[in-house]
Amino acid sequence: KVKDNPVSRFLVFYGIQLIGLLISSLVLMFFIENLGWDKLVAKALSILIVALLLFELNNLITFRRKR
């Protein structure tokens, strides 16, 4: 029942996902190169961090209800 532009919503969603990709890469690089963590542990924690962040960003920006 949302009455907005689906193309615009898709572009915002896609942009947020690209931001998530960048953050994931940076977090992985930090954990592996600076902290010396195992790659699998770093990846698992990176996935958790980015998934929570993207959920919140999409909830606040992409799928917010217009008043």
C-alpha atoms as a PDB file:
ATOM      1  CA  LYS A   1       0.000   0.000   0.000  1.00  0.00           C
ATOM      2  CA  VAL A   2       3.023   2.271  -0.370  1.00  0.00           C
ATOM      3  CA  LYS A   3       2.488   5.010  -2.917  1.00  0.00           C
ATOM      4  CA  ASP A   4       5.935   6.193  -3.869  1.00  0.00           C
ATOM      5  CA  ASN A   5       8.309   5.751  -6.788  1.00  0.00           C
ATOM      6  CA  PRO A   6       9.636   2.150  -6.820  1.00  0.00           C
ATOM      7  CA  VAL A   7      12.611   3.125  -8.999  1.00  0.00           C
ATOM      8  CA  SER A   8      13.707   5.726  -6.477  1.00  0.00           C
ATOM      9  CA  ARG A   9      13.262   3.249  -3.622  1.00  0.00           C
ATOM     10  CA  PHE A  10      15.337   0.674  -5.519  1.00  0.00           C
ATOM     11  CA  LEU A  11      18.131   3.182  -6.156  1.00  0.00           C
ATOM     12  CA  VAL A  12      18.270   4.131  -2.477  1.00  0.00           C
ATOM     13  CA  PHE A  13      18.318   0.441  -1.487  1.00  0.00           C
ATOM     14  CA  TYR A  14      21.063  -0.271  -4.033  1.00  0.00           C
ATOM     15  CA  GLY A  15      23.117   2.683  -2.800  1.00  0.00           C
ATOM     16  CA  ILE A  16      22.877   1.478   0.794  1.00  0.00           C
ATOM     17  CA  GLN A  17      24.017  -1.991  -0.300  1.00  0.00           C
ATOM     18  CA  LEU A  18      27.059  -0.451  -2.015  1.00  0.00           C
ATOM     19  CA  ILE A  19      27.875   1.395   1.201  1.00  0.00           C
ATOM     20  CA  GLY A  20      27.616  -1.965   2.995  1.00  0.00           C
ATOM     21  CA  LEU A  21      30.068  -3.515   0.541  1.00  0.00           C
ATOM     22  CA  LEU A  22      32.560  -0.731   1.188  1.00  0.00           C
ATOM     23  CA  ILE A  23      32.168  -0.998   4.968  1.00  0.00           C
ATOM     24  CA  SER A  24      32.516  -4.787   4.814  1.00  0.00           C
ATOM     25  CA  SER A  25      35.766  -4.492   2.880  1.00  0.00           C
ATOM     26  CA  LEU A  26      37.155  -1.905   5.283  1.00  0.00           C
ATOM     27  CA  VAL A  27      36.190  -3.924   8.360  1.00  0.00           C
ATOM     28  CA  LEU A  28      37.740  -7.073   6.881  1.00  0.00           C
ATOM     29  CA  MET A  29      40.943  -5.249   6.013  1.00  0.00           C
ATOM     30  CA  PHE A  30      41.132  -3.781   9.529  1.00  0.00           C
ATOM     31  CA  PHE A  31      40.499  -7.084  11.298  1.00  0.00           C
ATOM     32  CA  ILE A  32      42.916  -9.104   9.155  1.00  0.00           C
ATOM     33  CA  GLU A  33      45.753  -6.658   8.520  1.00  0.00           C
ATOM     34  CA  ASN A  34      45.739  -4.521  11.679  1.00  0.00           C
ATOM     35  CA  LEU A  35      44.516  -6.977  14.312  1.00  0.00           C
ATOM     36  CA  GLY A  36      45.898 -10.126  12.695  1.00  0.00           C
ATOM     37  CA  TRP A  37      42.675 -12.089  13.102  1.00  0.00           C
ATOM     38  CA  ASP A  38      41.944 -15.314  11.263  1.00  0.00           C
ATOM     39  CA  LYS A  39      40.193 -14.661   7.938  1.00  0.00           C
ATOM     40  CA  LEU A  40      37.127 -16.760   8.770  1.00  0.00           C
ATOM     41  CA  VAL A  41      36.612 -15.103  12.159  1.00  0.00           C
ATOM     42  CA  ALA A  42      37.058 -11.666  10.588  1.00  0.00           C
ATOM     43  CA  LYS A  43      34.559 -12.499   7.831  1.00  0.00           C
ATOM     44  CA  ALA A  44      31.973 -13.839  10.286  1.00  0.00           C
ATOM     45  CA  LEU A  45      32.177 -10.737  12.466  1.00  0.00           C
ATOM     46  CA  SER A  46      32.166  -8.477   9.409  1.00  0.00           C
ATOM     47  CA  ILE A  47      28.978 -10.129   8.131  1.00  0.00           C
ATOM     48  CA  LEU A  48      27.293  -9.650  11.491  1.00  0.00           C
ATOM     49  CA  ILE A  49      28.300  -5.972  11.760  1.00  0.00           C
ATOM     50  CA  VAL A  50      27.326  -5.090   8.194  1.00  0.00           C
ATOM     51  CA  ALA A  51      24.035  -7.025   8.291  1.00  0.00           C
ATOM     52  CA  LEU A  52      22.920  -5.159  11.420  1.00  0.00           C
ATOM     53  CA  LEU A  53      24.046  -1.822  10.000  1.00  0.00           C
ATOM     54  CA  LEU A  54      22.290  -2.367   6.662  1.00  0.00           C
ATOM     55  CA  PHE A  55      19.114  -3.506   8.384  1.00  0.00           C
ATOM     56  CA  GLU A  56      19.016  -0.293  10.402  1.00  0.00           C
ATOM     57  CA  LEU A  57      19.892   1.949   7.442  1.00  0.00           C
ATOM     58  CA  ASN A  58      17.242   0.355   5.244  1.00  0.00           C
ATOM     59  CA  ASN A  59      14.717   0.531   8.061  1.00  0.00           C
ATOM     60  CA  LEU A  60      15.446   4.226   8.660  1.00  0.00           C
ATOM     61  CA  ILE A  61      15.914   5.372   5.053  1.00  0.00           C
ATOM     62  CA  THR A  62      14.631   2.987   2.395  1.00  0.00           C
ATOM     63  CA  PHE A  63      11.525   1.588   4.032  1.00  0.00           C
ATOM     64  CA  ARG A  64      10.447   4.455   6.253  1.00  0.00           C
ATOM     65  CA  ARG A  65       6.802   5.336   6.173  1.00  0.00           C
ATOM     66  CA  LYS A  66       5.978   8.706   4.735  1.00  0.00           C
ATOM     67  CA  ARG A  67       3.557  10.818   6.736  1.00  0.00           C
END
